[in-house]
Structure formats: C-alpha cells, structure tokens
Amino acid sequence: MCLAIPAKVLNVNGSVAEVDFGDGTLREVNVSLVDAPVGAYVLVHAGFAIEVLDEEEAEKTLELWRELLSQETAM
C-alpha cells in the first residue's frame, strides 16, 4: 500500500519546493512532476509531489491526519 500526504507549498526553487505538512512540519520535496506554485497544495509520496490538490480537499485530509495522530498518541 502506498501513502501520500497533502502539503502546502511555501516556496519553490527550480524543481525543489519547501512544503508544510501542517503544524510546522517542513520538508523539501521534488516538484518536477507537477506545476506547483507557492500556496498550492500538493500530494507528496516518497519525496515527490505527485498531484496538485484542491485546497478544501487538502485541508480536510490534513484534519483527518491530525485526528488520527492524536488518537495514536492518546493510546
């Protein structure tokens, strides 16, 4: 099973973008497969942005991740 997580593009430098996975978790990802301007949400898998997402859908998915992770830490 593959796992991809939405992230917001903070800045782009060539084919590398700094993205925020939420709550300040920042990473650099390769954006050579998509046209991802600053402010866009992308779906990230294995260090690559593989799809540009609708902002509303990305926010919903990030909220689900936050809920899931908070349940994990409560166990």
C-alpha atoms as a PDB file:
ATOM      1  CA  MET A   1       0.000   0.000   0.000  1.00  0.00           C
ATOM      2  CA  CYS A   2       1.268   3.467  -0.865  1.00  0.00           C
ATOM      3  CA  LEU A   3       0.821   6.501   1.323  1.00  0.00           C
ATOM      4  CA  ALA A   4       0.704  10.092   0.132  1.00  0.00           C
ATOM      5  CA  ILE A   5       0.161  13.132   2.330  1.00  0.00           C
ATOM      6  CA  PRO A   6      -1.009  16.639   1.400  1.00  0.00           C
ATOM      7  CA  ALA A   7       1.306  19.582   1.988  1.00  0.00           C
ATOM      8  CA  LYS A   8       1.247  23.312   1.256  1.00  0.00           C
ATOM      9  CA  VAL A   9       3.970  24.739  -0.985  1.00  0.00           C
ATOM     10  CA  LEU A  10       5.811  27.530   0.841  1.00  0.00           C
ATOM     11  CA  ASN A  11       8.481  28.325  -1.745  1.00  0.00           C
ATOM     12  CA  VAL A  12       9.873  26.864  -4.953  1.00  0.00           C
ATOM     13  CA  ASN A  13      13.463  26.858  -6.170  1.00  0.00           C
ATOM     14  CA  GLY A  14      13.737  25.071  -9.507  1.00  0.00           C
ATOM     15  CA  SER A  15      12.465  21.529  -9.079  1.00  0.00           C
ATOM     16  CA  VAL A  16      12.583  21.629  -5.259  1.00  0.00           C
ATOM     17  CA  ALA A  17       9.908  23.093  -3.035  1.00  0.00           C
ATOM     18  CA  GLU A  18       9.721  23.631   0.689  1.00  0.00           C
ATOM     19  CA  VAL A  19       6.360  22.323   1.872  1.00  0.00           C
ATOM     20  CA  ASP A  20       4.448  22.353   5.147  1.00  0.00           C
ATOM     21  CA  PHE A  21       2.668  19.146   6.154  1.00  0.00           C
ATOM     22  CA  GLY A  22       0.850  21.044   8.879  1.00  0.00           C
ATOM     23  CA  ASP A  23       1.775  22.088  12.401  1.00  0.00           C
ATOM     24  CA  GLY A  24       5.087  23.436  11.108  1.00  0.00           C
ATOM     25  CA  THR A  25       6.448  20.130   9.787  1.00  0.00           C
ATOM     26  CA  LEU A  26       8.583  21.405   6.891  1.00  0.00           C
ATOM     27  CA  ARG A  27      10.328  19.309   4.254  1.00  0.00           C
ATOM     28  CA  GLU A  28      11.863  19.723   0.821  1.00  0.00           C
ATOM     29  CA  VAL A  29      10.194  17.755  -1.961  1.00  0.00           C
ATOM     30  CA  ASN A  30      10.762  17.363  -5.675  1.00  0.00           C
ATOM     31  CA  VAL A  31       8.072  19.144  -7.732  1.00  0.00           C
ATOM     32  CA  SER A  32       9.349  18.282 -11.202  1.00  0.00           C
ATOM     33  CA  LEU A  33       6.257  16.121 -11.886  1.00  0.00           C
ATOM     34  CA  VAL A  34       3.693  18.870 -11.239  1.00  0.00           C
ATOM     35  CA  ASP A  35       3.147  22.591 -11.744  1.00  0.00           C
ATOM     36  CA  ALA A  36       3.015  23.641  -8.095  1.00  0.00           C
ATOM     37  CA  PRO A  37       3.073  27.385  -7.422  1.00  0.00           C
ATOM     38  CA  VAL A  38       3.601  28.864  -3.952  1.00  0.00           C
ATOM     39  CA  GLY A  39       0.402  28.496  -1.941  1.00  0.00           C
ATOM     40  CA  ALA A  40      -0.781  25.381  -3.765  1.00  0.00           C
ATOM     41  CA  TYR A  41      -1.407  22.091  -2.009  1.00  0.00           C
ATOM     42  CA  VAL A  42       0.301  19.006  -3.351  1.00  0.00           C
ATOM     43  CA  LEU A  43       0.065  15.307  -2.624  1.00  0.00           C
ATOM     44  CA  VAL A  44       3.522  14.037  -1.596  1.00  0.00           C
ATOM     45  CA  HIS A  45       4.728  10.453  -1.927  1.00  0.00           C
ATOM     46  CA  ALA A  46       8.321   9.296  -1.370  1.00  0.00           C
ATOM     47  CA  GLY A  47       9.685  12.841  -1.564  1.00  0.00           C
ATOM     48  CA  PHE A  48       7.883  13.743  -4.794  1.00  0.00           C
ATOM     49  CA  ALA A  49       4.843  15.953  -5.296  1.00  0.00           C
ATOM     50  CA  ILE A  50       2.642  13.736  -7.475  1.00  0.00           C
ATOM     51  CA  GLU A  51      -0.525  15.808  -7.765  1.00  0.00           C
ATOM     52  CA  VAL A  52      -1.822  19.323  -7.127  1.00  0.00           C
ATOM     53  CA  LEU A  53      -4.837  19.251  -4.805  1.00  0.00           C
ATOM     54  CA  ASP A  54      -7.870  21.403  -4.274  1.00  0.00           C
ATOM     55  CA  GLU A  55      -7.279  23.474  -1.113  1.00  0.00           C
ATOM     56  CA  GLU A  56     -10.535  22.423   0.558  1.00  0.00           C
ATOM     57  CA  GLU A  57      -9.864  18.731  -0.047  1.00  0.00           C
ATOM     58  CA  ALA A  58      -6.283  19.061   1.202  1.00  0.00           C
ATOM     59  CA  GLU A  59      -7.420  20.797   4.406  1.00  0.00           C
ATOM     60  CA  LYS A  60      -9.986  18.036   5.062  1.00  0.00           C
ATOM     61  CA  THR A  61      -7.353  15.354   4.602  1.00  0.00           C
ATOM     62  CA  LEU A  62      -4.864  17.148   6.866  1.00  0.00           C
ATOM     63  CA  GLU A  63      -7.535  17.416   9.550  1.00  0.00           C
ATOM     64  CA  LEU A  64      -8.162  13.659   9.317  1.00  0.00           C
ATOM     65  CA  TRP A  65      -4.420  13.053   9.730  1.00  0.00           C
ATOM     66  CA  ARG A  66      -4.347  15.293  12.808  1.00  0.00           C
ATOM     67  CA  GLU A  67      -7.253  13.352  14.335  1.00  0.00           C
ATOM     68  CA  LEU A  68      -5.621  10.023  13.584  1.00  0.00           C
ATOM     69  CA  LEU A  69      -2.287  11.077  15.032  1.00  0.00           C
ATOM     70  CA  SER A  70      -3.876  12.493  18.172  1.00  0.00           C
ATOM     71  CA  GLN A  71      -5.633   9.154  18.753  1.00  0.00           C
ATOM     72  CA  GLU A  72      -2.326   7.317  18.332  1.00  0.00           C
ATOM     73  CA  THR A  73      -0.603   9.455  20.955  1.00  0.00           C
ATOM     74  CA  ALA A  74      -3.531   9.016  23.360  1.00  0.00           C
ATOM     75  CA  MET A  75      -3.085   5.211  23.377  1.00  0.00           C
END
